[in-house]
Amino acid sequence: MATIEHSEIINAPPEEVFELLRRVEDFADYSDLIRSIDALGNDRYRWHVRAVGMDWAFEVAVTEIKPPHVLAWESLDGVKNQGRYHLREVPEGTEVSLTLSYEIRNRLMEKAVNKAAKPLVGKVSRQILERVEARLNG
């Protein structure tokens, strides 16, 4: 499994940041690459993403919720992935760390995705956190 990490500091308290991150279905408003997210109930969501010139759809389940510090998930189908947001209070507000692991079983596709994945995940993560911060401070 490949792992990508990204962190940023948001000028807001962890409780406020966590509350917005907890609303998974709103992530489509925070990134240009996320086409839509359908809430399926029981902390399950179907994501529709456009990346690397392809459309990707996968279902995820939230696996851990510890307000205001941890929100974690894993895929149930599609691209095998799992992720975790860890929020930590810092003098400037909240440090939000994302760890995302994924596995693609098609070797050819894996090469293409691995090359693009780190900058893509970094871009999506930055967009999400910048737009969460803008919403909190707007």
Protein backbone atom coordinates (compact mmCIF):
# COMPACT_ATOMS: atom_id res chain seq x y z
CA MET A 1 0.00 0.00 0.00
CA ALA A 2 1.22 3.49 -0.84
CA THR A 3 0.89 6.14 1.87
CA ILE A 4 0.58 9.90 1.48
CA GLU A 5 0.74 12.38 4.33
CA HIS A 6 -0.20 16.04 4.40
CA SER A 7 -0.70 18.56 7.19
CA GLU A 8 -1.75 22.17 7.50
CA ILE A 9 -2.58 24.60 10.27
CA ILE A 10 -6.05 26.13 10.33
CA ASN A 11 -6.68 29.29 12.29
CA ALA A 12 -9.61 27.92 14.31
CA PRO A 13 -10.14 25.71 17.36
CA PRO A 14 -10.11 21.91 16.88
CA GLU A 15 -13.81 21.57 17.82
CA GLU A 16 -14.88 23.88 14.97
CA VAL A 17 -12.55 22.28 12.42
CA PHE A 18 -13.65 18.77 13.42
CA GLU A 19 -17.33 19.70 13.11
CA LEU A 20 -16.84 20.66 9.44
CA LEU A 21 -14.62 17.67 8.63
CA ARG A 22 -17.20 15.39 10.22
CA ARG A 23 -19.73 16.42 7.53
CA VAL A 24 -18.23 14.14 4.92
CA GLU A 25 -20.93 14.82 2.32
CA ASP A 26 -19.81 18.49 2.23
CA PHE A 27 -16.31 17.54 0.98
CA ALA A 28 -17.61 17.88 -2.59
CA ASP A 29 -17.93 21.63 -1.87
CA TYR A 30 -14.30 21.77 -0.74
CA SER A 31 -12.47 20.24 -3.72
CA ASP A 32 -12.72 20.59 -7.50
CA LEU A 33 -11.80 16.91 -7.99
CA ILE A 34 -14.64 15.52 -5.88
CA ARG A 35 -17.72 15.44 -8.13
CA SER A 36 -20.18 14.39 -5.45
CA ILE A 37 -20.57 12.42 -2.24
CA ASP A 38 -23.77 10.55 -1.47
CA ALA A 39 -24.62 9.85 2.18
CA LEU A 40 -25.78 6.22 2.41
CA GLY A 41 -26.53 6.15 6.15
CA ASN A 42 -24.69 4.48 9.03
CA ASP A 43 -21.59 6.64 8.39
CA ARG A 44 -21.21 5.24 4.85
CA TYR A 45 -20.69 7.40 1.76
CA ARG A 46 -20.32 6.90 -2.00
CA TRP A 47 -17.63 9.18 -3.43
CA HIS A 48 -17.47 10.24 -7.09
CA VAL A 49 -14.04 11.64 -8.00
CA ARG A 50 -12.50 12.77 -11.28
CA ALA A 51 -8.70 12.34 -11.23
CA VAL A 52 -5.93 11.33 -13.62
CA GLY A 53 -8.37 11.78 -16.51
CA MET A 54 -10.70 9.10 -15.13
CA ASP A 55 -13.86 8.89 -13.09
CA TRP A 56 -13.53 6.94 -9.84
CA ALA A 57 -16.35 5.83 -7.56
CA PHE A 58 -15.99 4.06 -4.26
CA GLU A 59 -17.89 3.54 -1.06
CA VAL A 60 -16.30 4.38 2.28
CA ALA A 61 -17.26 3.80 5.88
CA VAL A 62 -16.21 6.03 8.75
CA THR A 63 -14.34 3.69 11.11
CA GLU A 64 -13.30 5.98 13.95
CA ILE A 65 -14.75 9.18 15.36
CA LYS A 66 -13.13 10.79 18.41
CA PRO A 67 -14.19 14.45 18.52
CA PRO A 68 -12.33 16.72 18.17
CA HIS A 69 -9.18 14.75 17.40
CA VAL A 70 -9.69 11.77 15.06
CA LEU A 71 -11.81 10.98 12.01
CA ALA A 72 -10.87 7.83 10.09
CA TRP A 73 -12.37 5.84 7.22
CA GLU A 74 -11.77 2.95 4.87
CA SER A 75 -13.11 2.00 1.47
CA LEU A 76 -15.63 -0.80 1.11
CA ASP A 77 -15.25 -1.15 -2.66
CA GLY A 78 -13.49 0.44 -5.62
CA VAL A 79 -9.96 1.69 -4.98
CA LYS A 80 -8.82 0.16 -1.70
CA ASN A 81 -7.96 3.05 0.61
CA GLN A 82 -8.02 4.17 4.19
CA GLY A 83 -7.48 7.57 5.68
CA ARG A 84 -7.27 9.37 8.95
CA TYR A 85 -7.48 13.00 10.00
CA HIS A 86 -5.73 13.78 13.25
CA LEU A 87 -6.39 17.22 14.75
CA ARG A 88 -4.10 18.76 17.34
CA GLU A 89 -4.42 22.12 19.06
CA VAL A 90 -1.46 24.43 18.42
CA PRO A 91 -0.94 28.11 19.33
CA GLU A 92 -2.02 29.18 15.81
CA GLY A 93 -5.24 27.11 15.94
CA THR A 94 -5.41 23.48 14.79
CA GLU A 95 -2.87 21.33 13.03
CA VAL A 96 -4.73 18.93 10.76
CA SER A 97 -2.75 15.89 9.61
CA LEU A 98 -4.05 13.59 6.90
CA THR A 99 -2.65 10.11 6.35
CA LEU A 100 -4.02 8.30 3.29
CA SER A 101 -3.07 4.79 2.20
CA TYR A 102 -4.26 3.18 -1.01
CA GLU A 103 -3.71 0.10 -3.12
CA ILE A 104 -4.37 -0.41 -6.82
CA ARG A 105 -4.19 -3.97 -8.07
CA ASN A 106 -3.69 -3.21 -11.77
CA ARG A 107 0.09 -2.76 -12.24
CA LEU A 108 -0.18 -0.46 -15.26
CA MET A 109 -2.77 1.74 -13.61
CA GLU A 110 -0.83 1.66 -10.33
CA LYS A 111 2.23 3.22 -12.00
CA ALA A 112 0.17 6.06 -13.49
CA VAL A 113 -1.76 6.66 -10.29
CA ASN A 114 1.31 6.52 -8.04
CA LYS A 115 3.00 9.17 -10.16
CA ALA A 116 -0.01 11.48 -9.92
CA ALA A 117 -1.38 10.49 -6.51
CA LYS A 118 0.88 12.44 -4.17
CA PRO A 119 0.38 15.82 -5.89
CA LEU A 120 -3.33 15.06 -6.38
CA VAL A 121 -3.95 14.09 -2.76
CA GLY A 122 -1.89 17.08 -1.64
CA LYS A 123 -3.99 19.36 -3.86
CA VAL A 124 -7.30 17.90 -2.66
CA SER A 125 -6.19 18.04 0.98
CA ARG A 126 -5.03 21.65 0.62
CA GLN A 127 -8.29 22.64 -1.11
CA ILE A 128 -10.39 20.96 1.57
CA LEU A 129 -8.49 22.51 4.47
CA GLU A 130 -8.30 25.97 2.85
CA ARG A 131 -12.04 25.95 2.18
CA VAL A 132 -12.83 24.65 5.67
CA GLU A 133 -10.75 27.49 7.09
CA ALA A 134 -12.44 30.02 4.80
CA ARG A 135 -15.86 28.78 5.92
CA LEU A 136 -14.84 29.03 9.59
CA ASN A 137 -13.29 32.48 9.26
CA GLY A 138 -15.54 33.88 6.53
